[in-house]
PDB file of N, CA and C in Angstrom:
ATOM      1  N   MET A   1     -21.518  10.391  -8.334  1.00  0.00           N
ATOM      2  CA  MET A   1     -20.703   9.743  -9.345  1.00  0.00           C
ATOM      3  C   MET A   1     -21.634   9.027 -10.321  1.00  0.00           C
ATOM      4  N   GLU A   2     -21.360   9.144 -11.573  1.00  0.00           N
ATOM      5  CA  GLU A   2     -22.176   8.509 -12.592  1.00  0.00           C
ATOM      6  C   GLU A   2     -22.001   6.998 -12.551  1.00  0.00           C
ATOM      7  N   SER A   3     -22.975   6.290 -13.082  1.00  0.00           N
ATOM      8  CA  SER A   3     -22.925   4.835 -13.034  1.00  0.00           C
ATOM      9  C   SER A   3     -21.752   4.269 -13.845  1.00  0.00           C
ATOM     10  N   ALA A   4     -21.403   4.896 -14.973  1.00  0.00           N
ATOM     11  CA  ALA A   4     -20.270   4.413 -15.766  1.00  0.00           C
ATOM     12  C   ALA A   4     -18.968   4.550 -14.982  1.00  0.00           C
ATOM     13  N   GLU A   5     -18.804   5.658 -14.279  1.00  0.00           N
ATOM     14  CA  GLU A   5     -17.603   5.859 -13.462  1.00  0.00           C
ATOM     15  C   GLU A   5     -17.568   4.861 -12.312  1.00  0.00           C
ATOM     16  N   LYS A   6     -18.723   4.654 -11.703  1.00  0.00           N
ATOM     17  CA  LYS A   6     -18.813   3.710 -10.589  1.00  0.00           C
ATOM     18  C   LYS A   6     -18.466   2.293 -11.060  1.00  0.00           C
ATOM     19  N   GLU A   7     -19.001   1.904 -12.198  1.00  0.00           N
ATOM     20  CA  GLU A   7     -18.710   0.577 -12.734  1.00  0.00           C
ATOM     21  C   GLU A   7     -17.241   0.446 -13.109  1.00  0.00           C
ATOM     22  N   ALA A   8     -16.650   1.505 -13.655  1.00  0.00           N
ATOM     23  CA  ALA A   8     -15.226   1.476 -14.011  1.00  0.00           C
ATOM     24  C   ALA A   8     -14.369   1.281 -12.761  1.00  0.00           C
ATOM     25  N   ARG A   9     -14.708   1.986 -11.685  1.00  0.00           N
ATOM     26  CA  ARG A   9     -13.949   1.834 -10.440  1.00  0.00           C
ATOM     27  C   ARG A   9     -14.085   0.423  -9.888  1.00  0.00           C
ATOM     28  N   ARG A  10     -15.287  -0.120  -9.948  1.00  0.00           N
ATOM     29  CA  ARG A  10     -15.501  -1.496  -9.476  1.00  0.00           C
ATOM     30  C   ARG A  10     -14.724  -2.498 -10.316  1.00  0.00           C
ATOM     31  N   ALA A  11     -14.786  -2.328 -11.636  1.00  0.00           N
ATOM     32  CA  ALA A  11     -14.069  -3.238 -12.533  1.00  0.00           C
ATOM     33  C   ALA A  11     -12.559  -3.158 -12.299  1.00  0.00           C
ATOM     34  N   LEU A  12     -12.057  -1.963 -12.097  1.00  0.00           N
ATOM     35  CA  LEU A  12     -10.638  -1.788 -11.831  1.00  0.00           C
ATOM     36  C   LEU A  12     -10.242  -2.454 -10.516  1.00  0.00           C
ATOM     37  N   ALA A  13     -11.066  -2.309  -9.497  1.00  0.00           N
ATOM     38  CA  ALA A  13     -10.788  -2.955  -8.214  1.00  0.00           C
ATOM     39  C   ALA A  13     -10.792  -4.473  -8.365  1.00  0.00           C
ATOM     40  N   ARG A  14     -11.744  -5.003  -9.136  1.00  0.00           N
ATOM     41  CA  ARG A  14     -11.789  -6.455  -9.370  1.00  0.00           C
ATOM     42  C   ARG A  14     -10.535  -6.913 -10.112  1.00  0.00           C
ATOM     43  N   LEU A  15     -10.116  -6.148 -11.102  1.00  0.00           N
ATOM     44  CA  LEU A  15      -8.906  -6.484 -11.853  1.00  0.00           C
ATOM     45  C   LEU A  15      -7.693  -6.516 -10.933  1.00  0.00           C
ATOM     46  N   GLN A  16      -7.554  -5.499 -10.089  1.00  0.00           N
ATOM     47  CA  GLN A  16      -6.404  -5.451  -9.182  1.00  0.00           C
ATOM     48  C   GLN A  16      -6.414  -6.627  -8.211  1.00  0.00           C
ATOM     49  N   ARG A  17      -7.593  -6.959  -7.680  1.00  0.00           N
ATOM     50  CA  ARG A  17      -7.679  -8.110  -6.775  1.00  0.00           C
ATOM     51  C   ARG A  17      -7.351  -9.415  -7.495  1.00  0.00           C
ATOM     52  N   SER A  18      -7.816  -9.552  -8.726  1.00  0.00           N
ATOM     53  CA  SER A  18      -7.542 -10.784  -9.459  1.00  0.00           C
ATOM     54  C   SER A  18      -6.056 -10.898  -9.812  1.00  0.00           C
ATOM     55  N   LEU A  19      -5.410  -9.778 -10.094  1.00  0.00           N
ATOM     56  CA  LEU A  19      -3.972  -9.817 -10.359  1.00  0.00           C
ATOM     57  C   LEU A  19      -3.192 -10.218  -9.108  1.00  0.00           C
ATOM     58  N   GLU A  20      -3.617  -9.697  -7.963  1.00  0.00           N
ATOM     59  CA  GLU A  20      -2.966 -10.076  -6.700  1.00  0.00           C
ATOM     60  C   GLU A  20      -3.144 -11.561  -6.425  1.00  0.00           C
ATOM     61  N   LYS A  21      -4.356 -12.063  -6.650  1.00  0.00           N
ATOM     62  CA  LYS A  21      -4.612 -13.488  -6.426  1.00  0.00           C
ATOM     63  C   LYS A  21      -3.819 -14.342  -7.410  1.00  0.00           C
ATOM     64  N   THR A  22      -3.751 -13.916  -8.654  1.00  0.00           N
ATOM     65  CA  THR A  22      -2.991 -14.649  -9.659  1.00  0.00           C
ATOM     66  C   THR A  22      -1.526 -14.734  -9.262  1.00  0.00           C
ATOM     67  N   ARG A  23      -0.978 -13.641  -8.753  1.00  0.00           N
ATOM     68  CA  ARG A  23       0.419 -13.647  -8.319  1.00  0.00           C
ATOM     69  C   ARG A  23       0.627 -14.646  -7.171  1.00  0.00           C
ATOM     70  N   ARG A  24      -0.276 -14.631  -6.192  1.00  0.00           N
ATOM     71  CA  ARG A  24      -0.161 -15.571  -5.071  1.00  0.00           C
ATOM     72  C   ARG A  24      -0.236 -17.013  -5.547  1.00  0.00           C
ATOM     73  N   GLU A  25      -1.172 -17.299  -6.452  1.00  0.00           N
ATOM     74  CA  GLU A  25      -1.323 -18.664  -6.959  1.00  0.00           C
ATOM     75  C   GLU A  25      -0.116 -19.087  -7.789  1.00  0.00           C
ATOM     76  N   LEU A  26       0.423 -18.172  -8.574  1.00  0.00           N
ATOM     77  CA  LEU A  26       1.609 -18.483  -9.367  1.00  0.00           C
ATOM     78  C   LEU A  26       2.795 -18.789  -8.456  1.00  0.00           C
ATOM     79  N   LEU A  27       2.956 -18.015  -7.391  1.00  0.00           N
ATOM     80  CA  LEU A  27       4.050 -18.267  -6.451  1.00  0.00           C
ATOM     81  C   LEU A  27       3.867 -19.611  -5.743  1.00  0.00           C
ATOM     82  N   ALA A  28       2.628 -19.951  -5.401  1.00  0.00           N
ATOM     83  CA  ALA A  28       2.363 -21.246  -4.770  1.00  0.00           C
ATOM     84  C   ALA A  28       2.680 -22.383  -5.731  1.00  0.00           C
ATOM     85  N   LEU A  29       2.252 -22.238  -6.979  1.00  0.00           N
ATOM     86  CA  LEU A  29       2.539 -23.258  -7.992  1.00  0.00           C
ATOM     87  C   LEU A  29       4.032 -23.380  -8.220  1.00  0.00           C
ATOM     88  N   ARG A  30       4.692 -22.253  -8.317  1.00  0.00           N
ATOM     89  CA  ARG A  30       6.143 -22.265  -8.525  1.00  0.00           C
ATOM     90  C   ARG A  30       6.850 -22.981  -7.378  1.00  0.00           C
ATOM     91  N   GLY A  31       6.456 -22.655  -6.156  1.00  0.00           N
ATOM     92  CA  GLY A  31       7.079 -23.301  -5.005  1.00  0.00           C
ATOM     93  C   GLY A  31       6.903 -24.804  -5.006  1.00  0.00           C
ATOM     94  N   ALA A  32       5.702 -25.258  -5.331  1.00  0.00           N
ATOM     95  CA  ALA A  32       5.437 -26.697  -5.341  1.00  0.00           C
ATOM     96  C   ALA A  32       6.191 -27.399  -6.465  1.00  0.00           C
ATOM     97  N   LEU A  33       6.146 -26.835  -7.666  1.00  0.00           N
ATOM     98  CA  LEU A  33       6.793 -27.491  -8.800  1.00  0.00           C
ATOM     99  C   LEU A  33       8.311 -27.397  -8.749  1.00  0.00           C
ATOM    100  N   GLU A  34       8.809 -26.280  -8.272  1.00  0.00           N
ATOM    101  CA  GLU A  34      10.263 -26.109  -8.185  1.00  0.00           C
ATOM    102  C   GLU A  34      10.862 -27.170  -7.267  1.00  0.00           C
ATOM    103  N   THR A  35      10.160 -27.440  -6.178  1.00  0.00           N
ATOM    104  CA  THR A  35      10.612 -28.463  -5.242  1.00  0.00           C
ATOM    105  C   THR A  35      10.514 -29.841  -5.872  1.00  0.00           C
ATOM    106  N   ALA A  36       9.416 -30.121  -6.546  1.00  0.00           N
ATOM    107  CA  ALA A  36       9.193 -31.440  -7.128  1.00  0.00           C
ATOM    108  C   ALA A  36      10.075 -31.708  -8.343  1.00  0.00           C
ATOM    109  N   GLU A  37      10.295 -30.713  -9.191  1.00  0.00           N
ATOM    110  CA  GLU A  37      11.006 -30.922 -10.445  1.00  0.00           C
ATOM    111  C   GLU A  37      12.498 -30.658 -10.376  1.00  0.00           C
ATOM    112  N   GLY A  38      12.926 -29.881  -9.414  1.00  0.00           N
ATOM    113  CA  GLY A  38      14.354 -29.597  -9.293  1.00  0.00           C
ATOM    114  C   GLY A  38      14.899 -28.871 -10.499  1.00  0.00           C
ATOM    115  N   GLU A  39      15.926 -29.435 -11.113  1.00  0.00           N
ATOM    116  CA  GLU A  39      16.589 -28.788 -12.253  1.00  0.00           C
ATOM    117  C   GLU A  39      15.732 -28.746 -13.509  1.00  0.00           C
ATOM    118  N   ASP A  40      14.707 -29.584 -13.584  1.00  0.00           N
ATOM    119  CA  ASP A  40      13.835 -29.606 -14.758  1.00  0.00           C
ATOM    120  C   ASP A  40      12.792 -28.487 -14.735  1.00  0.00           C
ATOM    121  N   PHE A  41      12.741 -27.751 -13.657  1.00  0.00           N
ATOM    122  CA  PHE A  41      11.744 -26.698 -13.521  1.00  0.00           C
ATOM    123  C   PHE A  41      12.024 -25.568 -14.505  1.00  0.00           C
ATOM    124  N   PRO A  42      11.005 -25.122 -15.257  1.00  0.00           N
ATOM    125  CA  PRO A  42      11.199 -24.049 -16.252  1.00  0.00           C
ATOM    126  C   PRO A  42      11.163 -22.653 -15.614  1.00  0.00           C
ATOM    127  N   GLY A  43      12.183 -22.328 -14.862  1.00  0.00           N
ATOM    128  CA  GLY A  43      12.237 -21.064 -14.136  1.00  0.00           C
ATOM    129  C   GLY A  43      12.118 -19.841 -15.014  1.00  0.00           C
ATOM    130  N   GLU A  44      12.696 -19.902 -16.219  1.00  0.00           N
ATOM    131  CA  GLU A  44      12.628 -18.746 -17.126  1.00  0.00           C
ATOM    132  C   GLU A  44      11.198 -18.468 -17.555  1.00  0.00           C
ATOM    133  N   ASP A  45      10.428 -19.515 -17.782  1.00  0.00           N
ATOM    134  CA  ASP A  45       9.022 -19.329 -18.164  1.00  0.00           C
ATOM    135  C   ASP A  45       8.246 -18.656 -17.036  1.00  0.00           C
ATOM    136  N   TYR A  46       8.508 -19.080 -15.815  1.00  0.00           N
ATOM    137  CA  TYR A  46       7.816 -18.481 -14.676  1.00  0.00           C
ATOM    138  C   TYR A  46       8.241 -17.029 -14.480  1.00  0.00           C
ATOM    139  N   ALA A  47       9.507 -16.747 -14.700  1.00  0.00           N
ATOM    140  CA  ALA A  47       9.984 -15.369 -14.603  1.00  0.00           C
ATOM    141  C   ALA A  47       9.310 -14.494 -15.663  1.00  0.00           C
ATOM    142  N   THR A  48       9.116 -15.045 -16.852  1.00  0.00           N
ATOM    143  CA  THR A  48       8.434 -14.313 -17.919  1.00  0.00           C
ATOM    144  C   THR A  48       6.996 -13.983 -17.523  1.00  0.00           C
ATOM    145  N   VAL A  49       6.293 -14.978 -16.976  1.00  0.00           N
ATOM    146  CA  VAL A  49       4.902 -14.765 -16.562  1.00  0.00           C
ATOM    147  C   VAL A  49       4.846 -13.747 -15.416  1.00  0.00           C
ATOM    148  N   GLU A  50       5.783 -13.814 -14.484  1.00  0.00           N
ATOM    149  CA  GLU A  50       5.822 -12.836 -13.394  1.00  0.00           C
ATOM    150  C   GLU A  50       6.032 -11.430 -13.948  1.00  0.00           C
ATOM    151  N   GLY A  51       6.867 -11.306 -14.971  1.00  0.00           N
ATOM    152  CA  GLY A  51       7.081 -10.013 -15.613  1.00  0.00           C
ATOM    153  C   GLY A  51       5.811  -9.495 -16.273  1.00  0.00           C
ATOM    154  N   LEU A  52       5.066 -10.384 -16.891  1.00  0.00           N
ATOM    155  CA  LEU A  52       3.793  -9.992 -17.505  1.00  0.00           C
ATOM    156  C   LEU A  52       2.792  -9.548 -16.444  1.00  0.00           C
ATOM    157  N   LEU A  53       2.781 -10.226 -15.316  1.00  0.00           N
ATOM    158  CA  LEU A  53       1.905  -9.810 -14.218  1.00  0.00           C
ATOM    159  C   LEU A  53       2.307  -8.440 -13.691  1.00  0.00           C
ATOM    160  N   ASP A  54       3.609  -8.188 -13.623  1.00  0.00           N
ATOM    161  CA  ASP A  54       4.084  -6.856 -13.217  1.00  0.00           C
ATOM    162  C   ASP A  54       3.574  -5.786 -14.185  1.00  0.00           C
ATOM    163  N   GLN A  55       3.632  -6.086 -15.487  1.00  0.00           N
ATOM    164  CA  GLN A  55       3.153  -5.139 -16.486  1.00  0.00           C
ATOM    165  C   GLN A  55       1.651  -4.901 -16.335  1.00  0.00           C
ATOM    166  N   ALA A  56       0.900  -5.968 -16.085  1.00  0.00           N
ATOM    167  CA  ALA A  56      -0.553  -5.835 -15.907  1.00  0.00           C
ATOM    168  C   ALA A  56      -0.861  -5.022 -14.654  1.00  0.00           C
ATOM    169  N   HIS A  57      -0.093  -5.232 -13.593  1.00  0.00           N
ATOM    170  CA  HIS A  57      -0.284  -4.466 -12.366  1.00  0.00           C
ATOM    171  C   HIS A  57       0.016  -2.985 -12.609  1.00  0.00           C
ATOM    172  N   ASP A  58       1.098  -2.711 -13.314  1.00  0.00           N
ATOM    173  CA  ASP A  58       1.449  -1.325 -13.644  1.00  0.00           C
ATOM    174  C   ASP A  58       0.354  -0.671 -14.483  1.00  0.00           C
ATOM    175  N   PHE A  59      -0.195  -1.425 -15.431  1.00  0.00           N
ATOM    176  CA  PHE A  59      -1.282  -0.919 -16.259  1.00  0.00           C
ATOM    177  C   PHE A  59      -2.497  -0.563 -15.399  1.00  0.00           C
ATOM    178  N   ALA A  60      -2.866  -1.467 -14.489  1.00  0.00           N
ATOM    179  CA  ALA A  60      -4.024  -1.219 -13.626  1.00  0.00           C
ATOM    180  C   ALA A  60      -3.784  -0.001 -12.740  1.00  0.00           C
ATOM    181  N   THR A  61      -2.571   0.163 -12.255  1.00  0.00           N
ATOM    182  CA  THR A  61      -2.242   1.321 -11.426  1.00  0.00           C
ATOM    183  C   THR A  61      -2.367   2.618 -12.226  1.00  0.00           C
ATOM    184  N   ARG A  62      -1.823   2.614 -13.450  1.00  0.00           N
ATOM    185  CA  ARG A  62      -1.929   3.802 -14.310  1.00  0.00           C
ATOM    186  C   ARG A  62      -3.390   4.118 -14.631  1.00  0.00           C
ATOM    187  N   GLU A  63      -4.165   3.095 -14.917  1.00  0.00           N
ATOM    188  CA  GLU A  63      -5.579   3.313 -15.219  1.00  0.00           C
ATOM    189  C   GLU A  63      -6.318   3.863 -14.002  1.00  0.00           C
ATOM    190  N   GLY A  64      -5.957   3.400 -12.827  1.00  0.00           N
ATOM    191  CA  GLY A  64      -6.569   3.916 -11.611  1.00  0.00           C
ATOM    192  C   GLY A  64      -6.282   5.391 -11.425  1.00  0.00           C
ATOM    193  N   ARG A  65      -5.043   5.784 -11.663  1.00  0.00           N
ATOM    194  CA  ARG A  65      -4.675   7.198 -11.552  1.00  0.00           C
ATOM    195  C   ARG A  65      -5.395   8.041 -12.600  1.00  0.00           C
ATOM    196  N   ARG A  66      -5.476   7.494 -13.816  1.00  0.00           N
ATOM    197  CA  ARG A  66      -6.137   8.207 -14.901  1.00  0.00           C
ATOM    198  C   ARG A  66      -7.626   8.374 -14.605  1.00  0.00           C
ATOM    199  N   LEU A  67      -8.243   7.312 -14.128  1.00  0.00           N
ATOM    200  CA  LEU A  67      -9.663   7.368 -13.794  1.00  0.00           C
ATOM    201  C   LEU A  67      -9.917   8.349 -12.659  1.00  0.00           C
ATOM    202  N   GLN A  68      -9.068   8.318 -11.645  1.00  0.00           N
ATOM    203  CA  GLN A  68      -9.222   9.241 -10.527  1.00  0.00           C
ATOM    204  C   GLN A  68      -9.096  10.691 -10.994  1.00  0.00           C
ATOM    205  N   ALA A  69      -8.127  10.952 -11.853  1.00  0.00           N
ATOM    206  CA  ALA A  69      -7.946  12.316 -12.362  1.00  0.00           C
ATOM    207  C   ALA A  69      -9.170  12.769 -13.150  1.00  0.00           C
ATOM    208  N   LYS A  70      -9.745  11.878 -13.950  1.00  0.00           N
ATOM    209  CA  LYS A  70     -10.939  12.241 -14.721  1.00  0.00           C
ATOM    210  C   LYS A  70     -12.117  12.518 -13.795  1.00  0.00           C
ATOM    211  N   ILE A  71     -12.296  11.701 -12.786  1.00  0.00           N
ATOM    212  CA  ILE A  71     -13.412  11.891 -11.858  1.00  0.00           C
ATOM    213  C   ILE A  71     -13.252  13.205 -11.102  1.00  0.00           C
ATOM    214  N   LEU A  72     -12.034  13.479 -10.651  1.00  0.00           N
ATOM    215  CA  LEU A  72     -11.791  14.730  -9.934  1.00  0.00           C
ATOM    216  C   LEU A  72     -11.999  15.936 -10.842  1.00  0.00           C
ATOM    217  N   ALA A  73     -11.501  15.843 -12.065  1.00  0.00           N
ATOM    218  CA  ALA A  73     -11.652  16.952 -13.003  1.00  0.00           C
ATOM    219  C   ALA A  73     -13.123  17.184 -13.327  1.00  0.00           C
ATOM    220  N   ALA A  74     -13.877  16.114 -13.455  1.00  0.00           N
ATOM    221  CA  ALA A  74     -15.313  16.251 -13.740  1.00  0.00           C
ATOM    222  C   ALA A  74     -16.029  16.926 -12.575  1.00  0.00           C
ATOM    223  N   GLY A  75     -15.492  16.758 -11.374  1.00  0.00           N
ATOM    224  CA  GLY A  75     -16.079  17.402 -10.203  1.00  0.00           C
ATOM    225  C   GLY A  75     -15.524  18.790  -9.941  1.00  0.00           C
ATOM    226  N   GLY A  76     -14.634  19.257 -10.816  1.00  0.00           N
ATOM    227  CA  GLY A  76     -14.080  20.596 -10.677  1.00  0.00           C
ATOM    228  C   GLY A  76     -12.880  20.691  -9.759  1.00  0.00           C
ATOM    229  N   LEU A  77     -12.261  19.548  -9.453  1.00  0.00           N
ATOM    230  CA  LEU A  77     -11.092  19.539  -8.566  1.00  0.00           C
ATOM    231  C   LEU A  77      -9.838  19.209  -9.352  1.00  0.00           C
ATOM    232  N   GLU A  78      -8.724  19.728  -8.899  1.00  0.00           N
ATOM    233  CA  GLU A  78      -7.442  19.399  -9.509  1.00  0.00           C
ATOM    234  C   GLU A  78      -6.863  18.221  -8.738  1.00  0.00           C
ATOM    235  N   PRO A  79      -6.434  17.153  -9.429  1.00  0.00           N
ATOM    236  CA  PRO A  79      -5.922  15.974  -8.738  1.00  0.00           C
ATOM    237  C   PRO A  79      -4.766  16.254  -7.770  1.00  0.00           C
ATOM    238  N   GLY A  80      -3.877  17.163  -8.086  1.00  0.00           N
ATOM    239  CA  GLY A  80      -2.743  17.448  -7.221  1.00  0.00           C
ATOM    240  C   GLY A  80      -3.080  18.260  -5.974  1.00  0.00           C
ATOM    241  N   ARG A  81      -4.284  18.806  -5.926  1.00  0.00           N
ATOM    242  CA  ARG A  81      -4.657  19.669  -4.800  1.00  0.00           C
ATOM    243  C   ARG A  81      -5.513  18.973  -3.777  1.00  0.00           C
ATOM    244  N   VAL A  82      -5.850  17.703  -4.015  1.00  0.00           N
ATOM    245  CA  VAL A  82      -6.687  16.967  -3.078  1.00  0.00           C
ATOM    246  C   VAL A  82      -5.791  16.316  -2.030  1.00  0.00           C
ATOM    247  N   ARG A  83      -6.117  16.533  -0.776  1.00  0.00           N
ATOM    248  CA  ARG A  83      -5.347  15.935   0.305  1.00  0.00           C
ATOM    249  C   ARG A  83      -6.221  14.965   1.070  1.00  0.00           C
ATOM    250  N   ARG A  84      -5.609  13.883   1.500  1.00  0.00           N
ATOM    251  CA  ARG A  84      -6.324  12.922   2.325  1.00  0.00           C
ATOM    252  C   ARG A  84      -5.974  13.192   3.776  1.00  0.00           C
ATOM    253  N   THR A  85      -6.967  13.143   4.621  1.00  0.00           N
ATOM    254  CA  THR A  85      -6.732  13.340   6.036  1.00  0.00           C
ATOM    255  C   THR A  85      -7.056  12.058   6.787  1.00  0.00           C
ATOM    256  N   GLY A  86      -6.501  11.929   7.965  1.00  0.00           N
ATOM    257  CA  GLY A  86      -6.743  10.745   8.773  1.00  0.00           C
ATOM    258  C   GLY A  86      -8.035  10.810   9.544  1.00  0.00           C
ATOM    259  N   GLY A  87      -8.587  11.989   9.691  1.00  0.00           N
ATOM    260  CA  GLY A  87      -9.815  12.160  10.476  1.00  0.00           C
ATOM    261  C   GLY A  87     -11.042  12.295   9.624  1.00  0.00           C
ATOM    262  N   LEU A  88     -12.103  12.698  10.250  1.00  0.00           N
ATOM    263  CA  LEU A  88     -13.367  12.865   9.532  1.00  0.00           C
ATOM    264  C   LEU A  88     -13.370  14.125   8.778  1.00  0.00           C
TER     265      LEU A  88
END
């Protein structure tokens, strides 16, 4: 695998991990503030941010599929014909 492809895969993995962590932290913040603020809590704002995180996650997933297809095609393989096995 070329270094640019390797770096792209690493960057994509870092992005996905950071999005997962951001979601966990947002949920923790929401839980703490929702309890403390009660009716004053801006639930709609948090729902909006959660929606944006969903969009970012979907983007990262699409980019992962696109990158995988390019890597497979560069190696002469068709993405739909590759099977994963549980063994060696």
